[in-house]
């Protein structure tokens, strides 16, 4: 059964010039932790696909996937 999760990210355009700018980089780590927890919460998963749409969300997804060592290997992996 497919399952989708989302983790929104702060907008640099709106936070520019405010103290919210200081949350941009820490957000990547927070989002990665949330995504890893969501991945672990699906014990019957057969795989995970992450879709990043900005310069904060994409690194968060990559960190989450890299930290999910229990995922099956990708058949599309180089090598």
C-alpha atoms as a PDB file:
ATOM      1  CA  UNK A   1       0.000   0.000   0.000  1.00  0.00           C
ATOM      2  CA  UNK A   2       1.541   3.359  -0.993  1.00  0.00           C
ATOM      3  CA  UNK A   3       2.094   5.922   1.714  1.00  0.00           C
ATOM      4  CA  UNK A   4       3.039   9.571   1.192  1.00  0.00           C
ATOM      5  CA  UNK A   5       4.535  11.999   3.673  1.00  0.00           C
ATOM      6  CA  UNK A   6       5.462  15.642   3.363  1.00  0.00           C
ATOM      7  CA  UNK A   7       7.740  17.980   5.216  1.00  0.00           C
ATOM      8  CA  UNK A   8       7.350  21.634   4.332  1.00  0.00           C
ATOM      9  CA  UNK A   9      10.302  23.995   4.319  1.00  0.00           C
ATOM     10  CA  UNK A  10      10.745  27.658   5.185  1.00  0.00           C
ATOM     11  CA  UNK A  11      10.720  30.183   2.361  1.00  0.00           C
ATOM     12  CA  UNK A  12      13.936  32.185   2.097  1.00  0.00           C
ATOM     13  CA  UNK A  13      12.108  34.977   0.284  1.00  0.00           C
ATOM     14  CA  UNK A  14       9.767  35.543   3.201  1.00  0.00           C
ATOM     15  CA  UNK A  15      12.339  35.162   5.943  1.00  0.00           C
ATOM     16  CA  UNK A  16      15.026  37.323   4.304  1.00  0.00           C
ATOM     17  CA  UNK A  17      16.090  40.100   6.668  1.00  0.00           C
ATOM     18  CA  UNK A  18      14.379  38.513   9.692  1.00  0.00           C
ATOM     19  CA  UNK A  19      15.540  36.172  12.434  1.00  0.00           C
ATOM     20  CA  UNK A  20      13.793  33.390  10.492  1.00  0.00           C
ATOM     21  CA  UNK A  21      16.845  33.306   8.203  1.00  0.00           C
ATOM     22  CA  UNK A  22      18.729  31.556  10.987  1.00  0.00           C
ATOM     23  CA  UNK A  23      16.332  28.602  10.793  1.00  0.00           C
ATOM     24  CA  UNK A  24      17.109  27.768   7.171  1.00  0.00           C
ATOM     25  CA  UNK A  25      20.154  25.530   7.672  1.00  0.00           C
ATOM     26  CA  UNK A  26      18.964  23.866  10.916  1.00  0.00           C
ATOM     27  CA  UNK A  27      15.757  23.020   9.069  1.00  0.00           C
ATOM     28  CA  UNK A  28      17.664  20.574   6.863  1.00  0.00           C
ATOM     29  CA  UNK A  29      18.671  18.495   9.863  1.00  0.00           C
ATOM     30  CA  UNK A  30      15.208  18.680  11.437  1.00  0.00           C
ATOM     31  CA  UNK A  31      13.520  17.606   8.199  1.00  0.00           C
ATOM     32  CA  UNK A  32      15.991  14.750   7.731  1.00  0.00           C
ATOM     33  CA  UNK A  33      15.236  13.472  11.241  1.00  0.00           C
ATOM     34  CA  UNK A  34      11.488  13.653  10.647  1.00  0.00           C
ATOM     35  CA  UNK A  35      11.792  11.867   7.316  1.00  0.00           C
ATOM     36  CA  UNK A  36      13.968   9.099   8.798  1.00  0.00           C
ATOM     37  CA  UNK A  37      11.396   8.584  11.545  1.00  0.00           C
ATOM     38  CA  UNK A  38       8.608   8.409   8.991  1.00  0.00           C
ATOM     39  CA  UNK A  39      10.581   5.864   6.949  1.00  0.00           C
ATOM     40  CA  UNK A  40      11.150   3.716  10.061  1.00  0.00           C
ATOM     41  CA  UNK A  41       7.436   3.928  10.892  1.00  0.00           C
ATOM     42  CA  UNK A  42       6.618   1.919   7.757  1.00  0.00           C
ATOM     43  CA  UNK A  43       7.917  -1.571   8.602  1.00  0.00           C
ATOM     44  CA  UNK A  44       6.333  -3.197   5.529  1.00  0.00           C
ATOM     45  CA  UNK A  45       7.908  -0.775   3.048  1.00  0.00           C
ATOM     46  CA  UNK A  46       9.642  -2.116  -0.029  1.00  0.00           C
ATOM     47  CA  UNK A  47      11.307   1.150  -0.966  1.00  0.00           C
ATOM     48  CA  UNK A  48      11.262   4.884  -0.515  1.00  0.00           C
ATOM     49  CA  UNK A  49      11.260   7.642  -3.099  1.00  0.00           C
ATOM     50  CA  UNK A  50      12.176  11.173  -2.081  1.00  0.00           C
ATOM     51  CA  UNK A  51      11.287  14.228  -4.145  1.00  0.00           C
ATOM     52  CA  UNK A  52      13.028  17.484  -3.297  1.00  0.00           C
ATOM     53  CA  UNK A  53      11.897  20.778  -4.777  1.00  0.00           C
ATOM     54  CA  UNK A  54      14.247  23.347  -3.253  1.00  0.00           C
ATOM     55  CA  UNK A  55      17.738  23.928  -1.916  1.00  0.00           C
ATOM     56  CA  UNK A  56      16.667  22.937   1.606  1.00  0.00           C
ATOM     57  CA  UNK A  57      14.327  20.046   0.961  1.00  0.00           C
ATOM     58  CA  UNK A  58      16.621  18.138  -1.388  1.00  0.00           C
ATOM     59  CA  UNK A  59      19.578  17.934   1.042  1.00  0.00           C
ATOM     60  CA  UNK A  60      17.136  16.919   3.798  1.00  0.00           C
ATOM     61  CA  UNK A  61      15.833  14.054   1.665  1.00  0.00           C
ATOM     62  CA  UNK A  62      19.347  12.939   0.763  1.00  0.00           C
ATOM     63  CA  UNK A  63      20.365  12.976   4.438  1.00  0.00           C
ATOM     64  CA  UNK A  64      17.266  10.974   5.361  1.00  0.00           C
ATOM     65  CA  UNK A  65      17.837   8.365   2.659  1.00  0.00           C
ATOM     66  CA  UNK A  66      21.542   8.100   3.466  1.00  0.00           C
ATOM     67  CA  UNK A  67      20.668   7.544   7.116  1.00  0.00           C
ATOM     68  CA  UNK A  68      18.149   4.815   6.318  1.00  0.00           C
ATOM     69  CA  UNK A  69      20.534   1.902   6.082  1.00  0.00           C
ATOM     70  CA  UNK A  70      17.790  -0.702   6.338  1.00  0.00           C
ATOM     71  CA  UNK A  71      16.391   0.169   2.910  1.00  0.00           C
ATOM     72  CA  UNK A  72      16.863  -2.393   0.132  1.00  0.00           C
ATOM     73  CA  UNK A  73      19.569  -1.575  -2.431  1.00  0.00           C
ATOM     74  CA  UNK A  74      18.458   0.240  -5.559  1.00  0.00           C
ATOM     75  CA  UNK A  75      18.515  -1.745  -8.815  1.00  0.00           C
ATOM     76  CA  UNK A  76      19.513   1.534 -10.514  1.00  0.00           C
ATOM     77  CA  UNK A  77      22.683   2.007  -8.506  1.00  0.00           C
ATOM     78  CA  UNK A  78      25.828   2.521 -10.569  1.00  0.00           C
ATOM     79  CA  UNK A  79      28.483  -0.131 -10.389  1.00  0.00           C
END
